[in-house]
Amino acid sequence: MKPTPSRILVTALALGTLGVAFTATTTAAAEEKTVSAGRQYMGYTGTQWATDYGITRGRCDGKAVAAVLAEPPATPGTAAIALIAGLDLDPSDKACAAQALELLRNHRTARWNVGNGAHALTTGGDSVVNGLPCRPFVVSAKGRKILGTACQSQPGLWEVVRP
């Protein structure tokens, strides 16, 4: 019979205080497995994303991003990936940059290579411009560096306000 948090709790109560410490650890581990199985990635302003495309590990899976961009969303008005306007990059590179703005912690870098050379985006600290949540960034692409600030005008939609 597979142990469940409720069975472990009953066992722990029978064992006393030593069992309670064991229960807390085991229950937390069981909850972590449940969260991981249905993992959601919290975006910059609270948007939930089903996948991070590798961004939280410092990479962007360009092939997966290109596949998502090739298919329209199943539900109109929803997107499976963040988007950015105002950057002179190919669509897959823009999506990797937007997803990095959406999911990277401050002062972190994501790298990718979709086929147009190596790219990277490094985020800065939080800021507010015209009442919108914004992030300064540096993009390294096509042999040049682009410093700017992007603001989130809608969940998952970033616009460059300072190139």
Protein backbone atom coordinates (compact mmCIF):
# COMPACT_ATOMS: atom_id res chain seq x y z
CA MET A 1 0.00 0.00 0.00
CA LYS A 2 1.43 3.39 -1.04
CA PRO A 3 1.91 5.85 1.85
CA THR A 4 -0.16 9.02 1.53
CA PRO A 5 0.14 12.17 3.61
CA SER A 6 -2.96 11.16 5.61
CA ARG A 7 -1.58 7.64 6.31
CA ILE A 8 1.77 9.14 7.27
CA LEU A 9 0.00 11.60 9.60
CA VAL A 10 -1.80 8.76 11.41
CA THR A 11 1.51 6.89 11.75
CA ALA A 12 3.25 10.03 12.96
CA LEU A 13 0.63 10.71 15.60
CA ALA A 14 1.11 7.18 16.90
CA LEU A 15 4.91 7.72 17.06
CA GLY A 16 4.79 11.02 18.94
CA THR A 17 7.04 14.05 18.42
CA LEU A 18 9.67 12.21 16.38
CA GLY A 19 6.87 11.18 14.02
CA VAL A 20 5.59 14.77 13.70
CA ALA A 21 8.98 15.93 12.39
CA PHE A 22 8.95 13.02 9.95
CA THR A 23 5.40 13.92 8.85
CA ALA A 24 6.28 17.54 8.09
CA THR A 25 9.19 16.51 5.90
CA THR A 26 7.28 13.77 4.07
CA THR A 27 4.16 15.90 3.56
CA ALA A 28 6.24 18.77 2.17
CA ALA A 29 7.99 16.35 -0.20
CA ALA A 30 4.64 14.95 -1.35
CA GLU A 31 3.29 18.48 -1.94
CA GLU A 32 6.44 19.42 -3.91
CA LYS A 33 5.94 16.42 -6.22
CA THR A 34 2.33 17.47 -6.81
CA VAL A 35 3.36 21.05 -7.64
CA SER A 36 6.14 19.85 -9.97
CA ALA A 37 3.82 17.53 -11.87
CA GLY A 38 1.44 20.39 -12.75
CA ARG A 39 4.08 23.14 -12.64
CA GLN A 40 3.15 26.67 -13.56
CA TYR A 41 5.70 29.43 -13.97
CA MET A 42 4.81 32.77 -12.41
CA GLY A 43 5.42 35.67 -14.76
CA TYR A 44 6.70 39.13 -13.90
CA THR A 45 3.28 40.57 -12.97
CA GLY A 46 1.55 37.32 -12.00
CA THR A 47 0.67 35.70 -15.34
CA GLN A 48 0.85 31.91 -15.11
CA TRP A 49 2.80 30.12 -17.87
CA ALA A 50 2.57 26.38 -18.52
CA THR A 51 6.18 26.21 -19.75
CA ASP A 52 9.27 28.33 -19.34
CA TYR A 53 10.97 27.20 -22.59
CA GLY A 54 14.15 26.74 -20.53
CA ILE A 55 14.33 30.40 -19.43
CA THR A 56 14.48 29.68 -15.69
CA ARG A 57 17.60 27.60 -16.40
CA GLY A 58 19.24 30.41 -18.38
CA ARG A 59 18.48 29.09 -21.88
CA CYS A 60 15.68 29.51 -24.39
CA ASP A 61 14.58 26.47 -26.40
CA GLY A 62 14.33 28.15 -29.80
CA LYS A 63 12.84 25.11 -31.52
CA ALA A 64 9.99 24.87 -29.02
CA VAL A 65 9.40 28.62 -29.28
CA ALA A 66 9.28 28.46 -33.09
CA ALA A 67 6.77 25.59 -32.91
CA VAL A 68 4.51 27.57 -30.54
CA LEU A 69 4.66 30.65 -32.76
CA ALA A 70 3.69 28.53 -35.80
CA GLU A 71 0.37 27.50 -34.24
CA PRO A 72 -2.44 29.90 -33.29
CA PRO A 73 -3.58 29.78 -29.65
CA ALA A 74 -6.28 27.19 -28.90
CA THR A 75 -8.37 29.87 -27.19
CA PRO A 76 -8.54 33.33 -28.77
CA GLY A 77 -6.96 35.98 -26.56
CA THR A 78 -4.60 33.54 -24.85
CA ALA A 79 -0.96 33.01 -25.68
CA ALA A 80 1.40 30.20 -24.80
CA ILE A 81 4.39 32.55 -24.83
CA ALA A 82 5.15 36.18 -24.04
CA LEU A 83 5.63 38.67 -26.88
CA ILE A 84 7.56 41.91 -27.29
CA ALA A 85 7.15 44.84 -29.66
CA GLY A 86 9.87 47.30 -30.58
CA LEU A 87 12.90 45.03 -30.98
CA ASP A 88 14.50 44.49 -34.39
CA LEU A 89 14.74 40.70 -34.09
CA ASP A 90 13.24 37.67 -35.80
CA PRO A 91 9.92 36.43 -34.29
CA SER A 92 11.49 33.48 -32.43
CA ASP A 93 14.22 35.72 -31.02
CA LYS A 94 11.61 38.28 -29.91
CA ALA A 95 9.62 35.53 -28.17
CA CYS A 96 12.74 34.28 -26.34
CA ALA A 97 13.50 37.88 -25.28
CA ALA A 98 9.93 38.44 -24.09
CA GLN A 99 9.81 35.17 -22.19
CA ALA A 100 13.11 36.11 -20.54
CA LEU A 101 11.66 39.48 -19.48
CA GLU A 102 8.63 37.62 -18.17
CA LEU A 103 10.37 34.88 -16.17
CA LEU A 104 13.96 35.82 -15.33
CA ARG A 105 14.77 37.21 -11.93
CA ASN A 106 16.54 40.57 -11.81
CA HIS A 107 20.13 40.69 -13.08
CA ARG A 108 19.96 37.23 -14.70
CA THR A 109 20.76 36.21 -18.29
CA ALA A 110 19.09 33.82 -20.73
CA ARG A 111 20.90 32.67 -23.88
CA TRP A 112 19.62 31.11 -27.09
CA ASN A 113 20.57 30.28 -30.64
CA VAL A 114 17.59 29.92 -32.95
CA GLY A 115 19.65 29.88 -36.15
CA ASN A 116 20.47 33.56 -36.54
CA GLY A 117 23.50 33.48 -34.28
CA ALA A 118 23.91 33.52 -30.53
CA HIS A 119 21.61 35.82 -28.55
CA ALA A 120 21.31 36.74 -24.88
CA LEU A 121 19.12 38.96 -22.72
CA THR A 122 20.09 40.21 -19.27
CA THR A 123 17.44 41.80 -17.08
CA GLY A 124 17.95 44.80 -14.82
CA GLY A 125 16.01 45.83 -11.73
CA ASP A 126 12.34 46.71 -11.44
CA SER A 127 11.07 50.10 -12.53
CA VAL A 128 7.81 51.91 -13.30
CA VAL A 129 7.32 54.10 -16.38
CA ASN A 130 4.01 55.93 -16.89
CA GLY A 131 2.44 53.68 -14.26
CA LEU A 132 3.44 50.45 -16.04
CA PRO A 133 5.72 47.72 -14.63
CA CYS A 134 8.99 47.83 -16.55
CA ARG A 135 12.39 46.17 -16.72
CA PRO A 136 15.62 47.52 -18.13
CA PHE A 137 17.47 44.98 -20.27
CA VAL A 138 20.50 44.37 -22.45
CA VAL A 139 20.12 42.18 -25.55
CA SER A 140 23.18 40.83 -27.30
CA ALA A 141 22.17 39.93 -30.85
CA LYS A 142 23.65 39.96 -34.33
CA GLY A 143 26.98 41.24 -33.04
CA ARG A 144 25.52 44.27 -31.25
CA LYS A 145 24.20 45.19 -27.83
CA ILE A 146 20.79 46.80 -27.40
CA LEU A 147 20.16 48.58 -24.10
CA GLY A 148 16.57 49.44 -23.38
CA THR A 149 13.58 49.34 -21.09
CA ALA A 150 10.49 47.27 -21.80
CA CYS A 151 7.15 47.78 -20.08
CA GLN A 152 4.34 45.28 -19.74
CA SER A 153 1.23 46.86 -21.24
CA GLN A 154 -0.85 43.68 -20.88
CA PRO A 155 -0.12 40.30 -19.30
CA GLY A 156 2.59 38.69 -21.44
CA LEU A 157 2.91 41.65 -23.81
CA TRP A 158 6.05 43.77 -23.51
CA GLU A 159 6.78 46.99 -25.37
CA VAL A 160 10.18 48.66 -25.65
CA VAL A 161 9.83 52.24 -24.41
CA ARG A 162 13.51 53.17 -24.38
CA PRO A 163 15.63 51.56 -27.07
